[in-house]
C-alpha cells in the first residue's frame, strides 16, 4: 500500500525496479530504466516513461501481482501526462 506522502508513480515503480533488480529480471529493467532515469518531471519525460510502461504492459511477462501494480502506475502516469 502506498504511503500517503509518496509519489503515485515513482514510489510503486521504485519498488518494482527493486524487485526486478533483486531477481535480476533484465527485460523489464531494460524497458523501463532509460525512461525512468531520464524523467526530470517535464511532460516529455513523463510521456517517455508512460510509453515504456505501456510497452512493458503489452509484453505480459511480469508476474500477475506486478502486472496489476504496473496497471495502477500506468493510470497515474496517464493522469500526469494528460492533465
PDB file of N, CA and C in Angstrom:
ATOM      1  N   UNK A   1       0.845  -1.177   0.000  1.00  0.00           N
ATOM      2  CA  UNK A   1       0.000   0.000   0.000  1.00  0.00           C
ATOM      3  C   UNK A   1       0.888   1.238   0.000  1.00  0.00           C
ATOM      4  N   UNK A   2       0.602   2.196  -0.917  1.00  0.00           N
ATOM      5  CA  UNK A   2       1.446   3.377  -0.972  1.00  0.00           C
ATOM      6  C   UNK A   2       1.318   4.262   0.257  1.00  0.00           C
ATOM      7  N   UNK A   3       2.417   4.880   0.608  1.00  0.00           N
ATOM      8  CA  UNK A   3       2.463   5.864   1.688  1.00  0.00           C
ATOM      9  C   UNK A   3       1.717   7.110   1.200  1.00  0.00           C
ATOM     10  N   UNK A   4       0.995   7.790   2.088  1.00  0.00           N
ATOM     11  CA  UNK A   4       0.218   8.969   1.692  1.00  0.00           C
ATOM     12  C   UNK A   4       1.098  10.073   1.117  1.00  0.00           C
ATOM     13  N   UNK A   5       2.353  10.172   1.561  1.00  0.00           N
ATOM     14  CA  UNK A   5       3.246  11.207   1.075  1.00  0.00           C
ATOM     15  C   UNK A   5       4.054  10.786  -0.142  1.00  0.00           C
ATOM     16  N   UNK A   6       3.857   9.567  -0.593  1.00  0.00           N
ATOM     17  CA  UNK A   6       4.662   9.036  -1.692  1.00  0.00           C
ATOM     18  C   UNK A   6       4.083   9.446  -3.052  1.00  0.00           C
ATOM     19  N   UNK A   7       4.960   9.627  -4.012  1.00  0.00           N
ATOM     20  CA  UNK A   7       4.538   9.948  -5.373  1.00  0.00           C
ATOM     21  C   UNK A   7       3.805   8.735  -5.948  1.00  0.00           C
ATOM     22  N   UNK A   8       2.659   8.941  -6.625  1.00  0.00           N
ATOM     23  CA  UNK A   8       1.846   7.814  -7.091  1.00  0.00           C
ATOM     24  C   UNK A   8       2.481   6.969  -8.195  1.00  0.00           C
ATOM     25  N   UNK A   9       3.484   7.495  -8.863  1.00  0.00           N
ATOM     26  CA  UNK A   9       4.197   6.714  -9.886  1.00  0.00           C
ATOM     27  C   UNK A   9       5.554   6.281  -9.358  1.00  0.00           C
ATOM     28  N   UNK A  10       6.345   7.243  -8.902  1.00  0.00           N
ATOM     29  CA  UNK A  10       7.729   6.947  -8.526  1.00  0.00           C
ATOM     30  C   UNK A  10       7.853   5.986  -7.351  1.00  0.00           C
ATOM     31  N   UNK A  11       6.951   6.064  -6.371  1.00  0.00           N
ATOM     32  CA  UNK A  11       7.022   5.165  -5.216  1.00  0.00           C
ATOM     33  C   UNK A  11       6.831   3.706  -5.613  1.00  0.00           C
ATOM     34  N   UNK A  12       5.663   3.374  -6.225  1.00  0.00           N
ATOM     35  CA  UNK A  12       5.443   1.979  -6.613  1.00  0.00           C
ATOM     36  C   UNK A  12       6.423   1.498  -7.683  1.00  0.00           C
ATOM     37  N   UNK A  13       6.785   2.387  -8.609  1.00  0.00           N
ATOM     38  CA  UNK A  13       7.720   1.983  -9.659  1.00  0.00           C
ATOM     39  C   UNK A  13       9.096   1.692  -9.078  1.00  0.00           C
ATOM     40  N   UNK A  14       9.507   2.471  -8.108  1.00  0.00           N
ATOM     41  CA  UNK A  14      10.783   2.224  -7.443  1.00  0.00           C
ATOM     42  C   UNK A  14      10.804   0.839  -6.792  1.00  0.00           C
ATOM     43  N   UNK A  15       9.694   0.452  -6.171  1.00  0.00           N
ATOM     44  CA  UNK A  15       9.620  -0.885  -5.562  1.00  0.00           C
ATOM     45  C   UNK A  15       9.660  -1.980  -6.615  1.00  0.00           C
ATOM     46  N   UNK A  16       9.011  -1.752  -7.759  1.00  0.00           N
ATOM     47  CA  UNK A  16       9.084  -2.741  -8.839  1.00  0.00           C
ATOM     48  C   UNK A  16      10.514  -2.867  -9.354  1.00  0.00           C
ATOM     49  N   UNK A  17      11.168  -1.736  -9.573  1.00  0.00           N
ATOM     50  CA  UNK A  17      12.560  -1.760 -10.040  1.00  0.00           C
ATOM     51  C   UNK A  17      13.440  -2.521  -9.046  1.00  0.00           C
ATOM     52  N   UNK A  18      13.242  -2.281  -7.763  1.00  0.00           N
ATOM     53  CA  UNK A  18      13.996  -3.022  -6.737  1.00  0.00           C
ATOM     54  C   UNK A  18      13.754  -4.522  -6.856  1.00  0.00           C
ATOM     55  N   UNK A  19      12.504  -4.915  -7.056  1.00  0.00           N
ATOM     56  CA  UNK A  19      12.177  -6.340  -7.183  1.00  0.00           C
ATOM     57  C   UNK A  19      12.823  -6.935  -8.421  1.00  0.00           C
ATOM     58  N   UNK A  20      12.809  -6.203  -9.525  1.00  0.00           N
ATOM     59  CA  UNK A  20      13.419  -6.706 -10.754  1.00  0.00           C
ATOM     60  C   UNK A  20      14.926  -6.837 -10.605  1.00  0.00           C
ATOM     61  N   UNK A  21      15.529  -5.872  -9.930  1.00  0.00           N
ATOM     62  CA  UNK A  21      16.975  -5.949  -9.670  1.00  0.00           C
ATOM     63  C   UNK A  21      17.290  -7.152  -8.781  1.00  0.00           C
ATOM     64  N   UNK A  22      16.492  -7.330  -7.748  1.00  0.00           N
ATOM     65  CA  UNK A  22      16.705  -8.425  -6.794  1.00  0.00           C
ATOM     66  C   UNK A  22      16.722  -9.783  -7.491  1.00  0.00           C
ATOM     67  N   UNK A  23      15.812  -9.967  -8.430  1.00  0.00           N
ATOM     68  CA  UNK A  23      15.752 -11.267  -9.115  1.00  0.00           C
ATOM     69  C   UNK A  23      16.468 -11.259 -10.471  1.00  0.00           C
ATOM     70  N   UNK A  24      17.145 -10.136 -10.737  1.00  0.00           N
ATOM     71  CA  UNK A  24      17.927  -9.990 -11.971  1.00  0.00           C
ATOM     72  C   UNK A  24      17.075 -10.191 -13.232  1.00  0.00           C
ATOM     73  N   UNK A  25      15.889  -9.599 -13.210  1.00  0.00           N
ATOM     74  CA  UNK A  25      14.956  -9.680 -14.331  1.00  0.00           C
ATOM     75  C   UNK A  25      15.276  -8.540 -15.294  1.00  0.00           C
ATOM     76  N   UNK A  26      16.118  -8.824 -16.252  1.00  0.00           N
ATOM     77  CA  UNK A  26      16.661  -7.787 -17.129  1.00  0.00           C
ATOM     78  C   UNK A  26      15.650  -7.209 -18.109  1.00  0.00           C
ATOM     79  N   UNK A  27      14.682  -7.985 -18.521  1.00  0.00           N
ATOM     80  CA  UNK A  27      13.734  -7.499 -19.528  1.00  0.00           C
ATOM     81  C   UNK A  27      12.970  -6.248 -19.063  1.00  0.00           C
ATOM     82  N   UNK A  28      12.258  -6.292 -17.920  1.00  0.00           N
ATOM     83  CA  UNK A  28      11.553  -5.065 -17.519  1.00  0.00           C
ATOM     84  C   UNK A  28      12.515  -3.927 -17.186  1.00  0.00           C
ATOM     85  N   UNK A  29      13.673  -4.258 -16.655  1.00  0.00           N
ATOM     86  CA  UNK A  29      14.660  -3.219 -16.368  1.00  0.00           C
ATOM     87  C   UNK A  29      15.090  -2.515 -17.649  1.00  0.00           C
ATOM     88  N   UNK A  30      15.350  -3.293 -18.690  1.00  0.00           N
ATOM     89  CA  UNK A  30      15.786  -2.718 -19.964  1.00  0.00           C
ATOM     90  C   UNK A  30      14.689  -1.852 -20.581  1.00  0.00           C
ATOM     91  N   UNK A  31      13.453  -2.255 -20.403  1.00  0.00           N
ATOM     92  CA  UNK A  31      12.328  -1.499 -20.961  1.00  0.00           C
ATOM     93  C   UNK A  31      12.125  -0.160 -20.255  1.00  0.00           C
ATOM     94  N   UNK A  32      12.217  -0.170 -18.929  1.00  0.00           N
ATOM     95  CA  UNK A  32      11.777   0.976 -18.136  1.00  0.00           C
ATOM     96  C   UNK A  32      12.906   1.904 -17.700  1.00  0.00           C
ATOM     97  N   UNK A  33      14.075   1.363 -17.370  1.00  0.00           N
ATOM     98  CA  UNK A  33      15.121   2.200 -16.766  1.00  0.00           C
ATOM     99  C   UNK A  33      15.537   3.417 -17.584  1.00  0.00           C
ATOM    100  N   UNK A  34      15.712   3.309 -18.899  1.00  0.00           N
ATOM    101  CA  UNK A  34      16.126   4.521 -19.620  1.00  0.00           C
ATOM    102  C   UNK A  34      15.151   5.690 -19.432  1.00  0.00           C
ATOM    103  N   UNK A  35      13.867   5.424 -19.558  1.00  0.00           N
ATOM    104  CA  UNK A  35      12.870   6.491 -19.399  1.00  0.00           C
ATOM    105  C   UNK A  35      12.735   6.908 -17.939  1.00  0.00           C
ATOM    106  N   UNK A  36      12.870   5.964 -17.029  1.00  0.00           N
ATOM    107  CA  UNK A  36      12.740   6.242 -15.593  1.00  0.00           C
ATOM    108  C   UNK A  36      13.879   7.140 -15.112  1.00  0.00           C
ATOM    109  N   UNK A  37      15.077   6.831 -15.525  1.00  0.00           N
ATOM    110  CA  UNK A  37      16.259   7.582 -15.099  1.00  0.00           C
ATOM    111  C   UNK A  37      16.275   8.993 -15.692  1.00  0.00           C
ATOM    112  N   UNK A  38      15.827   9.138 -16.931  1.00  0.00           N
ATOM    113  CA  UNK A  38      15.904  10.432 -17.611  1.00  0.00           C
ATOM    114  C   UNK A  38      14.624  11.249 -17.506  1.00  0.00           C
ATOM    115  N   UNK A  39      13.707  10.861 -16.631  1.00  0.00           N
ATOM    116  CA  UNK A  39      12.495  11.650 -16.423  1.00  0.00           C
ATOM    117  C   UNK A  39      12.789  12.747 -15.389  1.00  0.00           C
ATOM    118  N   UNK A  40      12.840  13.966 -15.855  1.00  0.00           N
ATOM    119  CA  UNK A  40      13.129  15.093 -14.977  1.00  0.00           C
ATOM    120  C   UNK A  40      11.873  15.871 -14.599  1.00  0.00           C
ATOM    121  N   UNK A  41      10.705  15.255 -14.824  1.00  0.00           N
ATOM    122  CA  UNK A  41       9.456  15.860 -14.403  1.00  0.00           C
ATOM    123  C   UNK A  41       8.752  16.701 -15.447  1.00  0.00           C
ATOM    124  N   UNK A  42       9.343  16.837 -16.616  1.00  0.00           N
ATOM    125  CA  UNK A  42       8.686  17.583 -17.682  1.00  0.00           C
ATOM    126  C   UNK A  42       7.754  16.647 -18.456  1.00  0.00           C
ATOM    127  N   UNK A  43       6.834  17.231 -19.187  1.00  0.00           N
ATOM    128  CA  UNK A  43       5.833  16.431 -19.896  1.00  0.00           C
ATOM    129  C   UNK A  43       6.466  15.406 -20.834  1.00  0.00           C
ATOM    130  N   UNK A  44       7.514  15.783 -21.560  1.00  0.00           N
ATOM    131  CA  UNK A  44       8.161  14.840 -22.477  1.00  0.00           C
ATOM    132  C   UNK A  44       8.729  13.641 -21.732  1.00  0.00           C
ATOM    133  N   UNK A  45       9.330  13.890 -20.584  1.00  0.00           N
ATOM    134  CA  UNK A  45       9.887  12.801 -19.788  1.00  0.00           C
ATOM    135  C   UNK A  45       8.808  11.858 -19.287  1.00  0.00           C
ATOM    136  N   UNK A  46       7.698  12.438 -18.818  1.00  0.00           N
ATOM    137  CA  UNK A  46       6.578  11.608 -18.371  1.00  0.00           C
ATOM    138  C   UNK A  46       5.997  10.817 -19.537  1.00  0.00           C
ATOM    139  N   UNK A  47       5.944  11.435 -20.702  1.00  0.00           N
ATOM    140  CA  UNK A  47       5.438  10.737 -21.890  1.00  0.00           C
ATOM    141  C   UNK A  47       6.306   9.549 -22.259  1.00  0.00           C
ATOM    142  N   UNK A  48       7.614   9.744 -22.200  1.00  0.00           N
ATOM    143  CA  UNK A  48       8.536   8.636 -22.495  1.00  0.00           C
ATOM    144  C   UNK A  48       8.385   7.509 -21.477  1.00  0.00           C
ATOM    145  N   UNK A  49       8.256   7.873 -20.214  1.00  0.00           N
ATOM    146  CA  UNK A  49       8.075   6.862 -19.180  1.00  0.00           C
ATOM    147  C   UNK A  49       6.758   6.120 -19.392  1.00  0.00           C
ATOM    148  N   UNK A  50       5.701   6.849 -19.704  1.00  0.00           N
ATOM    149  CA  UNK A  50       4.409   6.216 -19.957  1.00  0.00           C
ATOM    150  C   UNK A  50       4.510   5.232 -21.115  1.00  0.00           C
ATOM    151  N   UNK A  51       5.168   5.613 -22.179  1.00  0.00           N
ATOM    152  CA  UNK A  51       5.334   4.722 -23.329  1.00  0.00           C
ATOM    153  C   UNK A  51       6.101   3.456 -22.934  1.00  0.00           C
ATOM    154  N   UNK A  52       7.152   3.605 -22.148  1.00  0.00           N
ATOM    155  CA  UNK A  52       7.932   2.442 -21.694  1.00  0.00           C
ATOM    156  C   UNK A  52       7.070   1.524 -20.824  1.00  0.00           C
ATOM    157  N   UNK A  53       6.263   2.112 -19.944  1.00  0.00           N
ATOM    158  CA  UNK A  53       5.390   1.318 -19.084  1.00  0.00           C
ATOM    159  C   UNK A  53       4.327   0.594 -19.901  1.00  0.00           C
ATOM    160  N   UNK A  54       3.769   1.268 -20.896  1.00  0.00           N
ATOM    161  CA  UNK A  54       2.755   0.644 -21.748  1.00  0.00           C
ATOM    162  C   UNK A  54       3.352  -0.499 -22.577  1.00  0.00           C
ATOM    163  N   UNK A  55       4.580  -0.321 -23.025  1.00  0.00           N
ATOM    164  CA  UNK A  55       5.258  -1.385 -23.771  1.00  0.00           C
ATOM    165  C   UNK A  55       5.496  -2.590 -22.874  1.00  0.00           C
ATOM    166  N   UNK A  56       5.922  -2.333 -21.654  1.00  0.00           N
ATOM    167  CA  UNK A  56       6.134  -3.420 -20.700  1.00  0.00           C
ATOM    168  C   UNK A  56       4.818  -4.132 -20.408  1.00  0.00           C
ATOM    169  N   UNK A  57       3.739  -3.379 -20.249  1.00  0.00           N
ATOM    170  CA  UNK A  57       2.424  -3.987 -20.019  1.00  0.00           C
ATOM    171  C   UNK A  57       2.047  -4.902 -21.185  1.00  0.00           C
ATOM    172  N   UNK A  58       2.280  -4.436 -22.402  1.00  0.00           N
ATOM    173  CA  UNK A  58       1.927  -5.224 -23.594  1.00  0.00           C
ATOM    174  C   UNK A  58       2.728  -6.519 -23.677  1.00  0.00           C
ATOM    175  N   UNK A  59       3.922  -6.524 -23.140  1.00  0.00           N
ATOM    176  CA  UNK A  59       4.765  -7.739 -23.157  1.00  0.00           C
ATOM    177  C   UNK A  59       4.151  -8.866 -22.336  1.00  0.00           C
ATOM    178  N   UNK A  60       3.399  -8.522 -21.274  1.00  0.00           N
ATOM    179  CA  UNK A  60       2.733  -9.503 -20.399  1.00  0.00           C
ATOM    180  C   UNK A  60       3.701 -10.557 -19.864  1.00  0.00           C
ATOM    181  N   UNK A  61       4.901 -10.131 -19.454  1.00  0.00           N
ATOM    182  CA  UNK A  61       5.903 -11.064 -18.948  1.00  0.00           C
ATOM    183  C   UNK A  61       6.075 -10.995 -17.442  1.00  0.00           C
ATOM    184  N   UNK A  62       5.375 -10.067 -16.790  1.00  0.00           N
ATOM    185  CA  UNK A  62       5.520  -9.910 -15.340  1.00  0.00           C
ATOM    186  C   UNK A  62       4.590 -10.871 -14.604  1.00  0.00           C
ATOM    187  N   UNK A  63       4.937 -11.215 -13.373  1.00  0.00           N
ATOM    188  CA  UNK A  63       4.004 -11.977 -12.544  1.00  0.00           C
ATOM    189  C   UNK A  63       2.700 -11.175 -12.380  1.00  0.00           C
ATOM    190  N   UNK A  64       1.599 -11.877 -12.140  1.00  0.00           N
ATOM    191  CA  UNK A  64       0.283 -11.231 -12.062  1.00  0.00           C
ATOM    192  C   UNK A  64       0.243 -10.052 -11.098  1.00  0.00           C
ATOM    193  N   UNK A  65       0.804 -10.209  -9.911  1.00  0.00           N
ATOM    194  CA  UNK A  65       0.773  -9.129  -8.923  1.00  0.00           C
ATOM    195  C   UNK A  65       1.502  -7.888  -9.437  1.00  0.00           C
ATOM    196  N   UNK A  66       2.650  -8.087 -10.063  1.00  0.00           N
ATOM    197  CA  UNK A  66       3.405  -6.956 -10.612  1.00  0.00           C
ATOM    198  C   UNK A  66       2.677  -6.345 -11.799  1.00  0.00           C
ATOM    199  N   UNK A  67       2.011  -7.173 -12.591  1.00  0.00           N
ATOM    200  CA  UNK A  67       1.241  -6.665 -13.729  1.00  0.00           C
ATOM    201  C   UNK A  67       0.120  -5.751 -13.226  1.00  0.00           C
ATOM    202  N   UNK A  68      -0.514  -6.108 -12.117  1.00  0.00           N
ATOM    203  CA  UNK A  68      -1.570  -5.275 -11.545  1.00  0.00           C
ATOM    204  C   UNK A  68      -1.014  -3.956 -11.019  1.00  0.00           C
ATOM    205  N   UNK A  69       0.133  -4.015 -10.381  1.00  0.00           N
ATOM    206  CA  UNK A  69       0.783  -2.783  -9.906  1.00  0.00           C
ATOM    207  C   UNK A  69       1.135  -1.900 -11.090  1.00  0.00           C
ATOM    208  N   UNK A  70       1.664  -2.512 -12.141  1.00  0.00           N
ATOM    209  CA  UNK A  70       2.018  -1.781 -13.351  1.00  0.00           C
ATOM    210  C   UNK A  70       0.790  -1.077 -13.930  1.00  0.00           C
ATOM    211  N   UNK A  71      -0.350  -1.758 -13.944  1.00  0.00           N
ATOM    212  CA  UNK A  71      -1.593  -1.153 -14.437  1.00  0.00           C
ATOM    213  C   UNK A  71      -1.938   0.114 -13.647  1.00  0.00           C
ATOM    214  N   UNK A  72      -1.818   0.043 -12.331  1.00  0.00           N
ATOM    215  CA  UNK A  72      -2.128   1.208 -11.494  1.00  0.00           C
ATOM    216  C   UNK A  72      -1.132   2.344 -11.744  1.00  0.00           C
ATOM    217  N   UNK A  73       0.126   1.994 -11.934  1.00  0.00           N
ATOM    218  CA  UNK A  73       1.142   3.009 -12.219  1.00  0.00           C
ATOM    219  C   UNK A  73       0.842   3.697 -13.551  1.00  0.00           C
ATOM    220  N   UNK A  74       0.434   2.924 -14.536  1.00  0.00           N
ATOM    221  CA  UNK A  74       0.116   3.489 -15.850  1.00  0.00           C
ATOM    222  C   UNK A  74      -1.037   4.486 -15.740  1.00  0.00           C
ATOM    223  N   UNK A  75      -2.063   4.153 -14.992  1.00  0.00           N
ATOM    224  CA  UNK A  75      -3.197   5.067 -14.803  1.00  0.00           C
ATOM    225  C   UNK A  75      -2.704   6.387 -14.209  1.00  0.00           C
ATOM    226  N   UNK A  76      -1.847   6.311 -13.202  1.00  0.00           N
ATOM    227  CA  UNK A  76      -1.330   7.523 -12.566  1.00  0.00           C
ATOM    228  C   UNK A  76      -0.439   8.309 -13.536  1.00  0.00           C
ATOM    229  N   UNK A  77       0.384   7.608 -14.316  1.00  0.00           N
ATOM    230  CA  UNK A  77       1.246   8.283 -15.280  1.00  0.00           C
ATOM    231  C   UNK A  77       0.412   8.963 -16.362  1.00  0.00           C
ATOM    232  N   UNK A  78      -0.670   8.324 -16.785  1.00  0.00           N
ATOM    233  CA  UNK A  78      -1.565   8.943 -17.772  1.00  0.00           C
ATOM    234  C   UNK A  78      -2.172  10.223 -17.221  1.00  0.00           C
ATOM    235  N   UNK A  79      -2.533  10.232 -15.956  1.00  0.00           N
ATOM    236  CA  UNK A  79      -3.077  11.450 -15.327  1.00  0.00           C
ATOM    237  C   UNK A  79      -2.069  12.582 -15.383  1.00  0.00           C
ATOM    238  N   UNK A  80      -0.812  12.250 -15.177  1.00  0.00           N
ATOM    239  CA  UNK A  80       0.235  13.275 -15.207  1.00  0.00           C
ATOM    240  C   UNK A  80       0.442  13.798 -16.622  1.00  0.00           C
ATOM    241  N   UNK A  81       0.504  12.897 -17.585  1.00  0.00           N
ATOM    242  CA  UNK A  81       0.772  13.286 -18.972  1.00  0.00           C
ATOM    243  C   UNK A  81      -0.397  14.064 -19.581  1.00  0.00           C
ATOM    244  N   UNK A  82      -1.608  13.619 -19.298  1.00  0.00           N
ATOM    245  CA  UNK A  82      -2.786  14.189 -19.968  1.00  0.00           C
ATOM    246  C   UNK A  82      -3.574  15.183 -19.119  1.00  0.00           C
ATOM    247  N   UNK A  83      -2.983  15.709 -18.059  1.00  0.00           N
ATOM    248  CA  UNK A  83      -3.710  16.682 -17.235  1.00  0.00           C
ATOM    249  C   UNK A  83      -3.839  18.016 -17.895  1.00  0.00           C
TER     250      UNK A  83
END
